[in-house]
């Protein structure tokens, strides 16, 4: 904890708004085959990262147009488009760490998901 307090103090001193904004995001994915991977990306500025990410998506849409409205998980479902956007997003200025996909464990595939959702919905109504 002393190291955390020291780095927090340093961030406050160097931050223009006196708070600092370094952040990291971890995404875990479990496939139907039970393989699970984790990706971590850290960036020195949350605001710049969000703005740059929006810009990268817009640029990708302009360079590789597709009809209709798509969620990111639909647009980047296939390997080639996914590699393209990950490369763009992880090379943005200020990215300080990117682990790439790392196998974290082999887990059983999700099961009874619809039943669990139905139980949760039933509980809310009751």
Foldseek 3Di string as FASTA:
>chain_A
DVVVVVVQCVQLVPDPVSGWAKDKDKDWDADQQQWIKIKMWIFRHPVVLVVQLVVLVVVCCVVPPDDDDDDVCVVPVDDPSVVVSVVSSCPDPGTDDIDPIDGDDGGHGDPPPVVVVVVVVVVVVD
